[in-house]
Each structure stands twice: as C-alpha cells, then as structure tokens.
Amino acid sequence: MSVNVPAAAPSTHRRALITWLAIYPTVTVVLGLIGPATARLPLLVRTLILTAIVVPVAAYLLIPALMKANAVLARR
C-alpha cells in the first residue's frame, strides 16, 4: 500500500519564477490586445484595466497550473 505524500512547497525563488512565468506573458498578451483601445486613457485607468484582467487570470488559472506542473517535476 503506497502513501501519497504531498510535495514540499517550492522555495521562495521558485515561487517567484513561477509567478513571473505566469505574469510576464499574460501582461504582454493583454497589453497587445487592449493597448491600442486604451492608449488614450489616463495611465491609472489603463493600469486598473490591465490588472483587473491579469491578476485573476494569473491567480486562478496560470499560477495553480504552474504549481501543479512544478509539483510533478519535483516528484521525478
């Protein structure tokens, strides 16, 4: 009978890398898509729109998926 032992939490450096891997491409894609449409808006409004899209996508989809992938790789 095998016991399913959870993987240890990744180091702070690895979590930072995982977060960056989620955030950088997401910001780049979203800026490419909405940049022209929001170009005339004030900076604070553009930033609000950008972060309102990027933060939920990263927090609820990308970072959990990358953390799972990291756990699979760490078990190898």
PDB file of N, CA and C in Angstrom:
ATOM      1  N   MET A   1       0.853  -1.171   0.000  1.00  0.00           N
ATOM      2  CA  MET A   1       0.000   0.000   0.000  1.00  0.00           C
ATOM      3  C   MET A   1       0.903   1.240   0.000  1.00  0.00           C
ATOM      4  N   SER A   2       0.721   2.110  -0.965  1.00  0.00           N
ATOM      5  CA  SER A   2       1.573   3.305  -1.019  1.00  0.00           C
ATOM      6  C   SER A   2       0.840   4.495  -0.409  1.00  0.00           C
ATOM      7  N   VAL A   3       1.610   5.315   0.259  1.00  0.00           N
ATOM      8  CA  VAL A   3       1.059   6.517   0.881  1.00  0.00           C
ATOM      9  C   VAL A   3       1.366   7.690  -0.031  1.00  0.00           C
ATOM     10  N   ASN A   4       0.356   8.494  -0.303  1.00  0.00           N
ATOM     11  CA  ASN A   4       0.526   9.648  -1.176  1.00  0.00           C
ATOM     12  C   ASN A   4       1.021  10.824  -0.339  1.00  0.00           C
ATOM     13  N   VAL A   5       2.317  11.103  -0.416  1.00  0.00           N
ATOM     14  CA  VAL A   5       2.925  12.176   0.360  1.00  0.00           C
ATOM     15  C   VAL A   5       2.941  13.450  -0.487  1.00  0.00           C
ATOM     16  N   PRO A   6       2.386  14.552   0.029  1.00  0.00           N
ATOM     17  CA  PRO A   6       2.401  15.783  -0.758  1.00  0.00           C
ATOM     18  C   PRO A   6       3.822  16.310  -0.920  1.00  0.00           C
ATOM     19  N   ALA A   7       4.053  16.928  -2.069  1.00  0.00           N
ATOM     20  CA  ALA A   7       5.374  17.509  -2.328  1.00  0.00           C
ATOM     21  C   ALA A   7       5.580  18.714  -1.423  1.00  0.00           C
ATOM     22  N   ALA A   8       6.839  18.947  -1.064  1.00  0.00           N
ATOM     23  CA  ALA A   8       7.162  20.120  -0.257  1.00  0.00           C
ATOM     24  C   ALA A   8       6.884  21.378  -1.054  1.00  0.00           C
ATOM     25  N   ALA A   9       6.540  22.442  -0.358  1.00  0.00           N
ATOM     26  CA  ALA A   9       6.287  23.715  -1.027  1.00  0.00           C
ATOM     27  C   ALA A   9       7.566  24.185  -1.712  1.00  0.00           C
ATOM     28  N   PRO A  10       7.437  24.765  -2.903  1.00  0.00           N
ATOM     29  CA  PRO A  10       8.637  25.243  -3.585  1.00  0.00           C
ATOM     30  C   PRO A  10       9.284  26.401  -2.828  1.00  0.00           C
ATOM     31  N   SER A  11      10.558  26.579  -3.071  1.00  0.00           N
ATOM     32  CA  SER A  11      11.294  27.665  -2.418  1.00  0.00           C
ATOM     33  C   SER A  11      10.743  29.022  -2.858  1.00  0.00           C
ATOM     34  N   THR A  12      11.100  30.045  -2.123  1.00  0.00           N
ATOM     35  CA  THR A  12      10.677  31.400  -2.467  1.00  0.00           C
ATOM     36  C   THR A  12      11.151  31.768  -3.864  1.00  0.00           C
ATOM     37  N   HIS A  13      12.361  31.377  -4.207  1.00  0.00           N
ATOM     38  CA  HIS A  13      12.898  31.696  -5.532  1.00  0.00           C
ATOM     39  C   HIS A  13      12.111  30.991  -6.632  1.00  0.00           C
ATOM     40  N   ARG A  14      11.756  29.746  -6.396  1.00  0.00           N
ATOM     41  CA  ARG A  14      10.989  29.003  -7.408  1.00  0.00           C
ATOM     42  C   ARG A  14       9.579  29.577  -7.525  1.00  0.00           C
ATOM     43  N   ARG A  15       8.961  29.960  -6.400  1.00  0.00           N
ATOM     44  CA  ARG A  15       7.629  30.582  -6.459  1.00  0.00           C
ATOM     45  C   ARG A  15       7.679  31.896  -7.212  1.00  0.00           C
ATOM     46  N   ALA A  16       8.750  32.665  -7.005  1.00  0.00           N
ATOM     47  CA  ALA A  16       8.901  33.925  -7.739  1.00  0.00           C
ATOM     48  C   ALA A  16       9.026  33.657  -9.236  1.00  0.00           C
ATOM     49  N   LEU A  17       9.783  32.647  -9.608  1.00  0.00           N
ATOM     50  CA  LEU A  17       9.929  32.297 -11.019  1.00  0.00           C
ATOM     51  C   LEU A  17       8.596  31.843 -11.602  1.00  0.00           C
ATOM     52  N   ILE A  18       7.867  31.019 -10.874  1.00  0.00           N
ATOM     53  CA  ILE A  18       6.559  30.549 -11.327  1.00  0.00           C
ATOM     54  C   ILE A  18       5.613  31.729 -11.520  1.00  0.00           C
ATOM     55  N   THR A  19       5.623  32.659 -10.576  1.00  0.00           N
ATOM     56  CA  THR A  19       4.771  33.846 -10.686  1.00  0.00           C
ATOM     57  C   THR A  19       5.161  34.666 -11.902  1.00  0.00           C
ATOM     58  N   TRP A  20       6.464  34.850 -12.106  1.00  0.00           N
ATOM     59  CA  TRP A  20       6.927  35.614 -13.263  1.00  0.00           C
ATOM     60  C   TRP A  20       6.526  34.923 -14.560  1.00  0.00           C
ATOM     61  N   LEU A  21       6.636  33.591 -14.610  1.00  0.00           N
ATOM     62  CA  LEU A  21       6.248  32.843 -15.802  1.00  0.00           C
ATOM     63  C   LEU A  21       4.761  32.981 -16.099  1.00  0.00           C
ATOM     64  N   ALA A  22       3.957  33.239 -15.097  1.00  0.00           N
ATOM     65  CA  ALA A  22       2.532  33.475 -15.310  1.00  0.00           C
ATOM     66  C   ALA A  22       2.259  34.919 -15.696  1.00  0.00           C
ATOM     67  N   ILE A  23       2.913  35.852 -15.016  1.00  0.00           N
ATOM     68  CA  ILE A  23       2.596  37.272 -15.180  1.00  0.00           C
ATOM     69  C   ILE A  23       3.145  37.861 -16.478  1.00  0.00           C
ATOM     70  N   TYR A  24       4.412  37.642 -16.773  1.00  0.00           N
ATOM     71  CA  TYR A  24       5.037  38.316 -17.919  1.00  0.00           C
ATOM     72  C   TYR A  24       4.308  38.045 -19.240  1.00  0.00           C
ATOM     73  N   PRO A  25       4.085  36.772 -19.606  1.00  0.00           N
ATOM     74  CA  PRO A  25       3.387  36.553 -20.880  1.00  0.00           C
ATOM     75  C   PRO A  25       1.949  37.057 -20.863  1.00  0.00           C
ATOM     76  N   THR A  26       1.297  36.974 -19.705  1.00  0.00           N
ATOM     77  CA  THR A  26      -0.085  37.441 -19.615  1.00  0.00           C
ATOM     78  C   THR A  26      -0.159  38.950 -19.809  1.00  0.00           C
ATOM     79  N   VAL A  27       0.726  39.683 -19.144  1.00  0.00           N
ATOM     80  CA  VAL A  27       0.761  41.138 -19.312  1.00  0.00           C
ATOM     81  C   VAL A  27       1.063  41.481 -20.764  1.00  0.00           C
ATOM     82  N   THR A  28       2.008  40.788 -21.368  1.00  0.00           N
ATOM     83  CA  THR A  28       2.378  41.062 -22.751  1.00  0.00           C
ATOM     84  C   THR A  28       1.197  40.845 -23.697  1.00  0.00           C
ATOM     85  N   VAL A  29       0.502  39.731 -23.549  1.00  0.00           N
ATOM     86  CA  VAL A  29      -0.644  39.430 -24.417  1.00  0.00           C
ATOM     87  C   VAL A  29      -1.772  40.434 -24.198  1.00  0.00           C
ATOM     88  N   VAL A  30      -2.097  40.697 -22.932  1.00  0.00           N
ATOM     89  CA  VAL A  30      -3.203  41.615 -22.644  1.00  0.00           C
ATOM     90  C   VAL A  30      -2.873  43.023 -23.138  1.00  0.00           C
ATOM     91  N   LEU A  31      -1.642  43.469 -22.932  1.00  0.00           N
ATOM     92  CA  LEU A  31      -1.252  44.790 -23.449  1.00  0.00           C
ATOM     93  C   LEU A  31      -1.362  44.840 -24.964  1.00  0.00           C
ATOM     94  N   GLY A  32      -0.954  43.772 -25.618  1.00  0.00           N
ATOM     95  CA  GLY A  32      -1.063  43.718 -27.071  1.00  0.00           C
ATOM     96  C   GLY A  32      -2.502  43.780 -27.543  1.00  0.00           C
ATOM     97  N   LEU A  33      -3.396  43.163 -26.783  1.00  0.00           N
ATOM     98  CA  LEU A  33      -4.807  43.136 -27.171  1.00  0.00           C
ATOM     99  C   LEU A  33      -5.554  44.426 -26.841  1.00  0.00           C
ATOM    100  N   ILE A  34      -5.328  44.955 -25.641  1.00  0.00           N
ATOM    101  CA  ILE A  34      -6.105  46.130 -25.225  1.00  0.00           C
ATOM    102  C   ILE A  34      -5.324  47.431 -25.311  1.00  0.00           C
ATOM    103  N   GLY A  35      -4.025  47.346 -25.561  1.00  0.00           N
ATOM    104  CA  GLY A  35      -3.192  48.543 -25.604  1.00  0.00           C
ATOM    105  C   GLY A  35      -3.711  49.619 -26.529  1.00  0.00           C
ATOM    106  N   PRO A  36      -3.979  49.278 -27.801  1.00  0.00           N
ATOM    107  CA  PRO A  36      -4.470  50.313 -28.719  1.00  0.00           C
ATOM    108  C   PRO A  36      -5.816  50.908 -28.287  1.00  0.00           C
ATOM    109  N   ALA A  37      -6.681  50.089 -27.735  1.00  0.00           N
ATOM    110  CA  ALA A  37      -8.000  50.575 -27.333  1.00  0.00           C
ATOM    111  C   ALA A  37      -7.945  51.459 -26.086  1.00  0.00           C
ATOM    112  N   THR A  38      -6.926  51.284 -25.274  1.00  0.00           N
ATOM    113  CA  THR A  38      -6.832  52.048 -24.025  1.00  0.00           C
ATOM    114  C   THR A  38      -5.743  53.118 -24.063  1.00  0.00           C
ATOM    115  N   ALA A  39      -5.111  53.286 -25.209  1.00  0.00           N
ATOM    116  CA  ALA A  39      -3.955  54.185 -25.309  1.00  0.00           C
ATOM    117  C   ALA A  39      -4.268  55.624 -24.908  1.00  0.00           C
ATOM    118  N   ARG A  40      -5.459  56.073 -25.145  1.00  0.00           N
ATOM    119  CA  ARG A  40      -5.806  57.473 -24.841  1.00  0.00           C
ATOM    120  C   ARG A  40      -6.314  57.665 -23.413  1.00  0.00           C
ATOM    121  N   LEU A  41      -6.461  56.584 -22.685  1.00  0.00           N
ATOM    122  CA  LEU A  41      -6.923  56.688 -21.299  1.00  0.00           C
ATOM    123  C   LEU A  41      -5.768  57.100 -20.398  1.00  0.00           C
ATOM    124  N   PRO A  42      -6.089  57.699 -19.259  1.00  0.00           N
ATOM    125  CA  PRO A  42      -5.023  58.027 -18.299  1.00  0.00           C
ATOM    126  C   PRO A  42      -4.317  56.749 -17.820  1.00  0.00           C
ATOM    127  N   LEU A  43      -3.046  56.896 -17.462  1.00  0.00           N
ATOM    128  CA  LEU A  43      -2.223  55.762 -17.039  1.00  0.00           C
ATOM    129  C   LEU A  43      -2.881  54.963 -15.921  1.00  0.00           C
ATOM    130  N   LEU A  44      -3.436  55.632 -14.925  1.00  0.00           N
ATOM    131  CA  LEU A  44      -4.049  54.908 -13.800  1.00  0.00           C
ATOM    132  C   LEU A  44      -5.230  54.062 -14.247  1.00  0.00           C
ATOM    133  N   VAL A  45      -5.991  54.538 -15.197  1.00  0.00           N
ATOM    134  CA  VAL A  45      -7.139  53.775 -15.713  1.00  0.00           C
ATOM    135  C   VAL A  45      -6.647  52.588 -16.540  1.00  0.00           C
ATOM    136  N   ARG A  46      -5.637  52.803 -17.379  1.00  0.00           N
ATOM    137  CA  ARG A  46      -5.065  51.698 -18.166  1.00  0.00           C
ATOM    138  C   ARG A  46      -4.521  50.615 -17.249  1.00  0.00           C
ATOM    139  N   THR A  47      -3.815  51.045 -16.188  1.00  0.00           N
ATOM    140  CA  THR A  47      -3.254  50.083 -15.242  1.00  0.00           C
ATOM    141  C   THR A  47      -4.365  49.328 -14.511  1.00  0.00           C
ATOM    142  N   LEU A  48      -5.422  50.017 -14.140  1.00  0.00           N
ATOM    143  CA  LEU A  48      -6.560  49.374 -13.484  1.00  0.00           C
ATOM    144  C   LEU A  48      -7.170  48.308 -14.385  1.00  0.00           C
ATOM    145  N   ILE A  49      -7.386  48.631 -15.649  1.00  0.00           N
ATOM    146  CA  ILE A  49      -7.965  47.668 -16.594  1.00  0.00           C
ATOM    147  C   ILE A  49      -7.026  46.476 -16.774  1.00  0.00           C
ATOM    148  N   LEU A  50      -5.747  46.759 -16.975  1.00  0.00           N
ATOM    149  CA  LEU A  50      -4.761  45.693 -17.166  1.00  0.00           C
ATOM    150  C   LEU A  50      -4.730  44.753 -15.968  1.00  0.00           C
ATOM    151  N   THR A  51      -4.624  45.300 -14.777  1.00  0.00           N
ATOM    152  CA  THR A  51      -4.531  44.449 -13.587  1.00  0.00           C
ATOM    153  C   THR A  51      -5.843  43.735 -13.281  1.00  0.00           C
ATOM    154  N   ALA A  52      -6.979  44.341 -13.649  1.00  0.00           N
ATOM    155  CA  ALA A  52      -8.270  43.678 -13.440  1.00  0.00           C
ATOM    156  C   ALA A  52      -8.391  42.422 -14.297  1.00  0.00           C
ATOM    157  N   ILE A  53      -7.670  42.384 -15.399  1.00  0.00           N
ATOM    158  CA  ILE A  53      -7.666  41.200 -16.261  1.00  0.00           C
ATOM    159  C   ILE A  53      -6.560  40.230 -15.853  1.00  0.00           C
ATOM    160  N   VAL A  54      -5.355  40.742 -15.673  1.00  0.00           N
ATOM    161  CA  VAL A  54      -4.184  39.892 -15.462  1.00  0.00           C
ATOM    162  C   VAL A  54      -4.207  39.183 -14.107  1.00  0.00           C
ATOM    163  N   VAL A  55      -4.544  39.881 -13.047  1.00  0.00           N
ATOM    164  CA  VAL A  55      -4.468  39.278 -11.705  1.00  0.00           C
ATOM    165  C   VAL A  55      -5.381  38.064 -11.564  1.00  0.00           C
ATOM    166  N   PRO A  56      -6.665  38.140 -11.928  1.00  0.00           N
ATOM    167  CA  PRO A  56      -7.490  36.926 -11.794  1.00  0.00           C
ATOM    168  C   PRO A  56      -7.030  35.775 -12.690  1.00  0.00           C
ATOM    169  N   VAL A  57      -6.635  36.091 -13.930  1.00  0.00           N
ATOM    170  CA  VAL A  57      -6.168  35.034 -14.835  1.00  0.00           C
ATOM    171  C   VAL A  57      -4.947  34.342 -14.234  1.00  0.00           C
ATOM    172  N   ALA A  58      -4.009  35.129 -13.738  1.00  0.00           N
ATOM    173  CA  ALA A  58      -2.798  34.553 -13.161  1.00  0.00           C
ATOM    174  C   ALA A  58      -3.101  33.820 -11.853  1.00  0.00           C
ATOM    175  N   ALA A  59      -3.870  34.440 -10.978  1.00  0.00           N
ATOM    176  CA  ALA A  59      -4.100  33.871  -9.644  1.00  0.00           C
ATOM    177  C   ALA A  59      -4.969  32.616  -9.656  1.00  0.00           C
ATOM    178  N   TYR A  60      -5.967  32.576 -10.540  1.00  0.00           N
ATOM    179  CA  TYR A  60      -6.907  31.460 -10.517  1.00  0.00           C
ATOM    180  C   TYR A  60      -6.635  30.398 -11.573  1.00  0.00           C
ATOM    181  N   LEU A  61      -5.910  30.744 -12.628  1.00  0.00           N
ATOM    182  CA  LEU A  61      -5.655  29.772 -13.691  1.00  0.00           C
ATOM    183  C   LEU A  61      -4.181  29.413 -13.840  1.00  0.00           C
ATOM    184  N   LEU A  62      -3.364  30.399 -14.107  1.00  0.00           N
ATOM    185  CA  LEU A  62      -1.988  30.130 -14.507  1.00  0.00           C
ATOM    186  C   LEU A  62      -1.089  29.683 -13.357  1.00  0.00           C
ATOM    187  N   ILE A  63      -1.098  30.402 -12.259  1.00  0.00           N
ATOM    188  CA  ILE A  63      -0.212  30.029 -11.148  1.00  0.00           C
ATOM    189  C   ILE A  63      -0.577  28.656 -10.579  1.00  0.00           C
ATOM    190  N   PRO A  64      -1.859  28.349 -10.357  1.00  0.00           N
ATOM    191  CA  PRO A  64      -2.166  26.985  -9.895  1.00  0.00           C
ATOM    192  C   PRO A  64      -1.711  25.907 -10.888  1.00  0.00           C
ATOM    193  N   ALA A  65      -1.876  26.154 -12.183  1.00  0.00           N
ATOM    194  CA  ALA A  65      -1.438  25.176 -13.188  1.00  0.00           C
ATOM    195  C   ALA A  65       0.082  25.021 -13.163  1.00  0.00           C
ATOM    196  N   LEU A  66       0.790  26.127 -13.046  1.00  0.00           N
ATOM    197  CA  LEU A  66       2.254  26.057 -12.989  1.00  0.00           C
ATOM    198  C   LEU A  66       2.737  25.404 -11.688  1.00  0.00           C
ATOM    199  N   MET A  67       2.034  25.636 -10.592  1.00  0.00           N
ATOM    200  CA  MET A  67       2.401  24.993  -9.328  1.00  0.00           C
ATOM    201  C   MET A  67       2.202  23.478  -9.419  1.00  0.00           C
ATOM    202  N   LYS A  68       1.130  23.036 -10.076  1.00  0.00           N
ATOM    203  CA  LYS A  68       0.907  21.601 -10.267  1.00  0.00           C
ATOM    204  C   LYS A  68       2.007  21.010 -11.133  1.00  0.00           C
ATOM    205  N   ALA A  69       2.355  21.699 -12.209  1.00  0.00           N
ATOM    206  CA  ALA A  69       3.434  21.228 -13.076  1.00  0.00           C
ATOM    207  C   ALA A  69       4.746  21.161 -12.304  1.00  0.00           C
ATOM    208  N   ASN A  70       4.995  22.144 -11.460  1.00  0.00           N
ATOM    209  CA  ASN A  70       6.202  22.141 -10.636  1.00  0.00           C
ATOM    210  C   ASN A  70       6.210  20.943  -9.688  1.00  0.00           C
ATOM    211  N   ALA A  71       5.072  20.637  -9.094  1.00  0.00           N
ATOM    212  CA  ALA A  71       4.991  19.501  -8.173  1.00  0.00           C
ATOM    213  C   ALA A  71       5.273  18.197  -8.904  1.00  0.00           C
ATOM    214  N   VAL A  72       4.748  18.051 -10.127  1.00  0.00           N
ATOM    215  CA  VAL A  72       5.000  16.852 -10.912  1.00  0.00           C
ATOM    216  C   VAL A  72       6.488  16.736 -11.219  1.00  0.00           C
ATOM    217  N   LEU A  73       7.100  17.838 -11.625  1.00  0.00           N
ATOM    218  CA  LEU A  73       8.531  17.822 -11.921  1.00  0.00           C
ATOM    219  C   LEU A  73       9.364  17.552 -10.674  1.00  0.00           C
ATOM    220  N   ALA A  74       8.934  18.061  -9.539  1.00  0.00           N
ATOM    221  CA  ALA A  74       9.692  17.874  -8.293  1.00  0.00           C
ATOM    222  C   ALA A  74       9.647  16.426  -7.821  1.00  0.00           C
ATOM    223  N   ARG A  75       8.595  15.690  -8.168  1.00  0.00           N
ATOM    224  CA  ARG A  75       8.474  14.280  -7.759  1.00  0.00           C
ATOM    225  C   ARG A  75       9.339  13.342  -8.583  1.00  0.00           C
ATOM    226  N   ARG A  76       9.851  13.818  -9.705  1.00  0.00           N
ATOM    227  CA  ARG A  76      10.665  12.955 -10.590  1.00  0.00           C
ATOM    228  C   ARG A  76      11.974  12.612  -9.946  1.00  0.00           C
TER     229      ARG A  76
END
